[in-house]
Each structure stands twice: as C-alpha cells, then as structure tokens.
Amino acid sequence: VLDAIVDGCYDYDDDDGEEDENENETTSSSVQRRLSISKAILTTEPRFDVRTKTSTVAELLSMGDATADGDGKKNKEVDKAVESNIKKKQKQLMDGCLSYLEEQILSCAIGSLEHQAL
C-alpha cells in the first residue's frame, strides 16, 4: 500500500521539460502531493520510516535521479529541458521541506514558552 502511495505522487508525464502555465509561479502538483503526504505522516509519527522499517518518507522527500537508467547510470539522451525541469522540482521540494521544518521548530519553541509561562 505504501509503495502505491509513493508511486501515485510522481507525475511522470509532468517531466516533459515544458512548463505548464499554472506551474510557472507555483509548486507543481506532484511536489505539493509529496509534501502533503510527508507532512501528514511525519506529524503523526516523526520516526515513521524507522518504526515501519520502510523508506516511504525518504522516497517521498527525494526526487531520485530521474535522469538515470534502471542500473543507476546516467542516461546521456535525457533532454536538457527535462533535466532543468527535474532540478526545478527538486528545489521546490527542498524549499517546501525547509518551510515545514521551520514551522515545526517555531511551533515547538512557542509551545515551550507557553508551558514555561504557566
């Protein structure tokens, strides 16, 4: 089931190198889906992958090398536009992860301050 969730988060057709008009300024839908699912899992259980002995969250938060062949070797025939689009999505994903971590740190700090005030 977890593999199906992870696989459903990738827009393989979305990496054609062409920018969609709604993707110009906003995060792509596949990146948003992956961040949303990761946030939900990590909010419930921060050590999800360790507890379940899976790599679900790790896979959701990494783009992998979509320019590699199945054996991990670089595919030389990958179009530069496709590679550029993949890098753009990797940056969007990392920006989203950092924002989430900032929110979590601030939430913990505020909660600690409120507890001390009591």
N, C-alpha and C. Protein backbone atom coordinates (compact mmCIF):
# COMPACT_ATOMS: atom_id res chain seq x y z
N VAL A 1 0.83 -1.19 0.00
CA VAL A 1 0.00 0.00 0.00
C VAL A 1 0.88 1.25 0.00
N LEU A 2 1.92 1.25 0.83
CA LEU A 2 2.81 2.42 0.89
C LEU A 2 3.49 2.66 -0.45
N ASP A 3 3.89 1.59 -1.13
CA ASP A 3 4.51 1.75 -2.44
C ASP A 3 3.55 2.40 -3.44
N ALA A 4 2.28 2.03 -3.36
CA ALA A 4 1.28 2.62 -4.26
C ALA A 4 1.10 4.11 -3.97
N ILE A 5 1.15 4.48 -2.69
CA ILE A 5 1.03 5.90 -2.32
C ILE A 5 2.21 6.68 -2.89
N VAL A 6 3.41 6.14 -2.71
CA VAL A 6 4.61 6.83 -3.21
C VAL A 6 4.57 6.92 -4.72
N ASP A 7 4.26 5.83 -5.40
CA ASP A 7 4.20 5.84 -6.87
C ASP A 7 3.16 6.82 -7.39
N GLY A 8 2.05 6.97 -6.67
CA GLY A 8 0.99 7.88 -7.10
C GLY A 8 1.36 9.35 -6.95
N CYS A 9 2.44 9.63 -6.27
CA CYS A 9 2.86 11.01 -6.04
C CYS A 9 3.73 11.56 -7.16
N TYR A 10 4.16 10.72 -8.06
CA TYR A 10 5.04 11.17 -9.12
C TYR A 10 4.24 11.42 -10.39
N ASP A 11 4.47 12.58 -11.00
CA ASP A 11 3.87 12.89 -12.29
C ASP A 11 4.92 12.63 -13.36
N TYR A 12 4.94 11.41 -13.86
CA TYR A 12 5.95 11.08 -14.86
C TYR A 12 5.74 11.87 -16.14
N ASP A 13 4.48 12.15 -16.47
CA ASP A 13 4.19 12.94 -17.67
C ASP A 13 4.53 14.40 -17.45
N ASP A 14 4.69 14.80 -16.21
CA ASP A 14 4.94 16.19 -15.86
C ASP A 14 6.37 16.61 -16.12
N ASP A 15 7.27 15.66 -16.40
CA ASP A 15 8.69 15.97 -16.58
C ASP A 15 9.07 16.03 -18.05
N ASP A 16 8.21 16.63 -18.86
CA ASP A 16 8.49 16.71 -20.28
C ASP A 16 9.37 17.89 -20.66
N GLY A 17 9.76 18.68 -19.66
CA GLY A 17 10.63 19.81 -19.92
C GLY A 17 9.88 21.08 -20.22
N GLU A 18 8.60 20.97 -20.51
CA GLU A 18 7.81 22.15 -20.82
C GLU A 18 7.11 22.62 -19.56
N GLU A 19 7.09 23.93 -19.37
CA GLU A 19 6.43 24.47 -18.20
C GLU A 19 4.94 24.62 -18.48
N ASP A 20 4.14 24.15 -17.56
CA ASP A 20 2.71 24.38 -17.65
C ASP A 20 2.45 25.80 -17.22
N GLU A 21 1.38 26.42 -17.74
CA GLU A 21 1.12 27.81 -17.38
C GLU A 21 0.83 27.99 -15.90
N ASN A 22 0.21 26.99 -15.23
CA ASN A 22 -0.07 27.12 -13.80
C ASN A 22 1.12 26.72 -12.94
N GLU A 23 2.17 26.18 -13.56
CA GLU A 23 3.36 25.77 -12.82
C GLU A 23 4.41 26.86 -12.80
N ASN A 24 4.17 27.91 -13.52
CA ASN A 24 5.14 28.98 -13.67
C ASN A 24 5.59 29.55 -12.35
N GLU A 25 4.65 29.95 -11.49
CA GLU A 25 4.96 30.61 -10.24
C GLU A 25 4.72 29.72 -9.03
N THR A 26 4.01 28.65 -9.19
CA THR A 26 3.64 27.82 -8.05
C THR A 26 4.35 26.47 -8.09
N THR A 27 4.30 25.78 -6.98
CA THR A 27 4.90 24.46 -6.89
C THR A 27 4.05 23.48 -7.69
N SER A 28 4.71 22.55 -8.38
CA SER A 28 3.99 21.58 -9.19
C SER A 28 3.10 20.70 -8.30
N SER A 29 2.07 20.14 -8.90
CA SER A 29 1.12 19.34 -8.13
C SER A 29 1.77 18.09 -7.54
N SER A 30 2.71 17.48 -8.25
CA SER A 30 3.36 16.28 -7.71
C SER A 30 4.20 16.62 -6.48
N VAL A 31 4.86 17.78 -6.50
CA VAL A 31 5.65 18.20 -5.34
C VAL A 31 4.72 18.52 -4.17
N GLN A 32 3.61 19.19 -4.43
CA GLN A 32 2.64 19.51 -3.38
C GLN A 32 2.08 18.24 -2.76
N ARG A 33 1.75 17.25 -3.59
CA ARG A 33 1.22 15.98 -3.08
C ARG A 33 2.23 15.30 -2.18
N ARG A 34 3.48 15.25 -2.62
CA ARG A 34 4.52 14.58 -1.84
C ARG A 34 4.75 15.29 -0.52
N LEU A 35 4.77 16.62 -0.54
CA LEU A 35 4.94 17.36 0.71
C LEU A 35 3.77 17.14 1.65
N SER A 36 2.56 17.17 1.13
CA SER A 36 1.36 16.98 1.96
C SER A 36 1.35 15.61 2.63
N ILE A 37 1.65 14.58 1.87
CA ILE A 37 1.66 13.23 2.44
C ILE A 37 2.78 13.09 3.45
N SER A 38 3.95 13.63 3.14
CA SER A 38 5.08 13.56 4.07
C SER A 38 4.77 14.28 5.37
N LYS A 39 4.17 15.48 5.26
CA LYS A 39 3.81 16.24 6.47
C LYS A 39 2.82 15.47 7.32
N ALA A 40 1.82 14.87 6.68
CA ALA A 40 0.80 14.12 7.43
C ALA A 40 1.43 12.93 8.16
N ILE A 41 2.30 12.21 7.46
CA ILE A 41 2.95 11.05 8.08
C ILE A 41 3.86 11.49 9.22
N LEU A 42 4.69 12.52 8.97
CA LEU A 42 5.67 12.95 9.98
C LEU A 42 5.02 13.64 11.17
N THR A 43 3.88 14.27 10.97
CA THR A 43 3.16 14.88 12.08
C THR A 43 2.63 13.78 13.01
N THR A 44 2.18 12.69 12.42
CA THR A 44 1.66 11.57 13.19
C THR A 44 2.79 10.80 13.87
N GLU A 45 3.85 10.51 13.13
CA GLU A 45 4.97 9.73 13.65
C GLU A 45 6.27 10.23 13.02
N PRO A 46 7.02 11.07 13.74
CA PRO A 46 8.26 11.64 13.19
C PRO A 46 9.29 10.59 12.75
N ARG A 47 9.26 9.42 13.37
CA ARG A 47 10.21 8.36 13.01
C ARG A 47 9.53 7.25 12.20
N PHE A 48 8.65 7.64 11.31
CA PHE A 48 7.82 6.70 10.56
C PHE A 48 8.66 5.61 9.86
N ASP A 49 9.68 6.01 9.12
CA ASP A 49 10.47 5.04 8.38
C ASP A 49 11.17 4.04 9.31
N VAL A 50 11.65 4.52 10.43
CA VAL A 50 12.31 3.62 11.39
C VAL A 50 11.31 2.66 12.00
N ARG A 51 10.18 3.19 12.41
CA ARG A 51 9.16 2.34 13.06
C ARG A 51 8.57 1.30 12.11
N THR A 52 8.36 1.70 10.85
CA THR A 52 7.74 0.77 9.89
C THR A 52 8.77 -0.03 9.10
N LYS A 53 10.05 0.29 9.31
CA LYS A 53 11.14 -0.37 8.58
C LYS A 53 10.93 -0.27 7.06
N THR A 54 10.51 0.92 6.64
CA THR A 54 10.33 1.21 5.21
C THR A 54 11.14 2.46 4.88
N SER A 55 11.10 2.85 3.63
CA SER A 55 11.74 4.10 3.20
C SER A 55 10.72 5.02 2.56
N THR A 56 9.48 4.94 3.02
CA THR A 56 8.39 5.70 2.43
C THR A 56 8.65 7.20 2.45
N VAL A 57 8.92 7.75 3.61
CA VAL A 57 9.14 9.20 3.72
C VAL A 57 10.40 9.60 2.97
N ALA A 58 11.43 8.80 3.08
CA ALA A 58 12.68 9.09 2.36
C ALA A 58 12.43 9.15 0.85
N GLU A 59 11.62 8.26 0.34
CA GLU A 59 11.31 8.26 -1.10
C GLU A 59 10.46 9.45 -1.48
N LEU A 60 9.51 9.82 -0.61
CA LEU A 60 8.67 10.98 -0.90
C LEU A 60 9.47 12.28 -0.92
N LEU A 61 10.48 12.36 -0.07
CA LEU A 61 11.24 13.59 0.05
C LEU A 61 12.48 13.64 -0.84
N SER A 62 12.69 12.63 -1.65
CA SER A 62 13.81 12.67 -2.57
C SER A 62 13.30 12.49 -3.99
N MET A 63 13.89 13.22 -4.89
CA MET A 63 13.49 13.11 -6.29
C MET A 63 14.13 11.89 -6.94
N GLY A 64 15.20 11.39 -6.35
CA GLY A 64 15.95 10.34 -7.00
C GLY A 64 16.63 10.93 -8.22
N ASP A 65 17.21 10.11 -9.02
CA ASP A 65 17.84 10.62 -10.24
C ASP A 65 16.99 10.16 -11.41
N ALA A 66 16.04 10.99 -11.78
CA ALA A 66 15.12 10.65 -12.87
C ALA A 66 15.84 10.64 -14.21
N THR A 67 17.09 11.08 -14.25
CA THR A 67 17.85 11.07 -15.50
C THR A 67 18.71 9.82 -15.60
N ALA A 68 18.57 8.91 -14.64
CA ALA A 68 19.39 7.69 -14.65
C ALA A 68 18.61 6.53 -15.23
N ASP A 69 19.35 5.59 -15.81
CA ASP A 69 18.74 4.34 -16.27
C ASP A 69 18.43 3.48 -15.06
N GLY A 70 17.81 2.34 -15.26
CA GLY A 70 17.48 1.45 -14.17
C GLY A 70 18.68 0.99 -13.37
N ASP A 71 19.85 0.93 -14.00
CA ASP A 71 21.04 0.48 -13.29
C ASP A 71 21.77 1.61 -12.59
N GLY A 72 21.18 2.83 -12.62
CA GLY A 72 21.76 3.96 -11.91
C GLY A 72 22.75 4.76 -12.72
N LYS A 73 23.06 4.30 -13.95
CA LYS A 73 24.00 5.05 -14.79
C LYS A 73 23.27 6.19 -15.48
N LYS A 74 23.96 7.29 -15.64
CA LYS A 74 23.39 8.49 -16.24
C LYS A 74 22.94 8.21 -17.67
N ASN A 75 21.72 8.58 -18.00
CA ASN A 75 21.20 8.44 -19.35
C ASN A 75 21.62 9.67 -20.15
N LYS A 76 22.48 9.50 -21.12
CA LYS A 76 23.03 10.62 -21.88
C LYS A 76 22.01 11.22 -22.84
N GLU A 77 20.91 10.53 -23.07
CA GLU A 77 19.94 11.01 -24.04
C GLU A 77 18.85 11.87 -23.41
N VAL A 78 18.97 12.15 -22.13
CA VAL A 78 17.96 12.96 -21.46
C VAL A 78 18.06 14.40 -21.97
N ASP A 79 16.95 14.93 -22.38
CA ASP A 79 16.88 16.28 -22.89
C ASP A 79 17.24 17.28 -21.80
N LYS A 80 17.96 18.34 -22.14
CA LYS A 80 18.35 19.37 -21.17
C LYS A 80 17.15 20.03 -20.53
N ALA A 81 16.07 20.22 -21.29
CA ALA A 81 14.86 20.84 -20.73
C ALA A 81 14.24 19.94 -19.66
N VAL A 82 14.26 18.63 -19.88
CA VAL A 82 13.73 17.68 -18.89
C VAL A 82 14.58 17.74 -17.63
N GLU A 83 15.90 17.75 -17.81
CA GLU A 83 16.80 17.81 -16.66
C GLU A 83 16.60 19.11 -15.89
N SER A 84 16.39 20.21 -16.59
CA SER A 84 16.14 21.51 -15.95
C SER A 84 14.84 21.48 -15.16
N ASN A 85 13.81 20.86 -15.71
CA ASN A 85 12.52 20.76 -15.03
C ASN A 85 12.64 19.92 -13.76
N ILE A 86 13.42 18.85 -13.83
CA ILE A 86 13.63 17.99 -12.66
C ILE A 86 14.35 18.77 -11.57
N LYS A 87 15.37 19.53 -11.93
CA LYS A 87 16.10 20.34 -10.95
C LYS A 87 15.20 21.38 -10.32
N LYS A 88 14.30 21.96 -11.11
CA LYS A 88 13.36 22.95 -10.59
C LYS A 88 12.46 22.31 -9.54
N LYS A 89 11.98 21.11 -9.81
CA LYS A 89 11.10 20.41 -8.87
C LYS A 89 11.86 20.00 -7.61
N GLN A 90 13.14 19.62 -7.76
CA GLN A 90 13.94 19.29 -6.60
C GLN A 90 14.07 20.51 -5.69
N LYS A 91 14.28 21.69 -6.28
CA LYS A 91 14.39 22.91 -5.49
C LYS A 91 13.06 23.22 -4.79
N GLN A 92 11.94 23.06 -5.51
CA GLN A 92 10.63 23.29 -4.90
C GLN A 92 10.42 22.36 -3.72
N LEU A 93 10.80 21.12 -3.88
CA LEU A 93 10.63 20.13 -2.81
C LEU A 93 11.47 20.50 -1.60
N MET A 94 12.72 20.86 -1.82
CA MET A 94 13.60 21.24 -0.71
C MET A 94 13.11 22.52 -0.03
N ASP A 95 12.63 23.49 -0.79
CA ASP A 95 12.06 24.71 -0.20
C ASP A 95 10.86 24.38 0.68
N GLY A 96 10.01 23.47 0.19
CA GLY A 96 8.85 23.05 0.97
C GLY A 96 9.25 22.32 2.25
N CYS A 97 10.27 21.47 2.16
CA CYS A 97 10.77 20.75 3.35
C CYS A 97 11.31 21.73 4.37
N LEU A 98 12.08 22.70 3.92
CA LEU A 98 12.64 23.69 4.85
C LEU A 98 11.54 24.50 5.52
N SER A 99 10.53 24.89 4.77
CA SER A 99 9.42 25.64 5.35
C SER A 99 8.71 24.82 6.42
N TYR A 100 8.49 23.54 6.13
CA TYR A 100 7.84 22.65 7.09
C TYR A 100 8.68 22.53 8.36
N LEU A 101 9.98 22.35 8.21
CA LEU A 101 10.86 22.23 9.38
C LEU A 101 10.87 23.52 10.19
N GLU A 102 10.88 24.67 9.52
CA GLU A 102 10.82 25.95 10.23
C GLU A 102 9.53 26.05 11.05
N GLU A 103 8.41 25.64 10.45
CA GLU A 103 7.12 25.67 11.15
C GLU A 103 7.16 24.78 12.39
N GLN A 104 7.76 23.59 12.25
CA GLN A 104 7.83 22.66 13.37
C GLN A 104 8.70 23.20 14.49
N ILE A 105 9.83 23.80 14.15
CA ILE A 105 10.73 24.37 15.15
C ILE A 105 10.04 25.52 15.89
N LEU A 106 9.39 26.40 15.13
CA LEU A 106 8.69 27.53 15.76
C LEU A 106 7.54 27.04 16.64
N SER A 107 6.84 26.05 16.18
CA SER A 107 5.72 25.50 16.96
C SER A 107 6.22 24.93 18.29
N CYS A 108 7.32 24.21 18.24
CA CYS A 108 7.90 23.65 19.48
C CYS A 108 8.39 24.76 20.41
N ALA A 109 9.01 25.77 19.84
CA ALA A 109 9.54 26.87 20.65
C ALA A 109 8.40 27.63 21.33
N ILE A 110 7.35 27.90 20.59
CA ILE A 110 6.19 28.62 21.15
C ILE A 110 5.52 27.78 22.22
N GLY A 111 5.38 26.49 21.95
CA GLY A 111 4.78 25.59 22.95
C GLY A 111 5.61 25.53 24.21
N SER A 112 6.92 25.54 24.08
CA SER A 112 7.80 25.52 25.25
C SER A 112 7.68 26.81 26.05
N LEU A 113 7.61 27.95 25.36
CA LEU A 113 7.47 29.23 26.03
C LEU A 113 6.12 29.33 26.77
N GLU A 114 5.07 28.83 26.13
CA GLU A 114 3.76 28.84 26.75
C GLU A 114 3.73 27.97 28.00
N HIS A 115 4.40 26.84 27.92
CA HIS A 115 4.46 25.92 29.06
C HIS A 115 5.22 26.54 30.23
N GLN A 116 6.31 27.25 29.91
CA GLN A 116 7.10 27.91 30.95
C GLN A 116 6.32 29.03 31.60
N ALA A 117 5.44 29.71 30.86
CA ALA A 117 4.66 30.82 31.39
C ALA A 117 3.61 30.35 32.38
N LEU A 118 3.22 29.08 32.28
CA LEU A 118 2.22 28.56 33.20
C LEU A 118 2.85 28.33 34.52
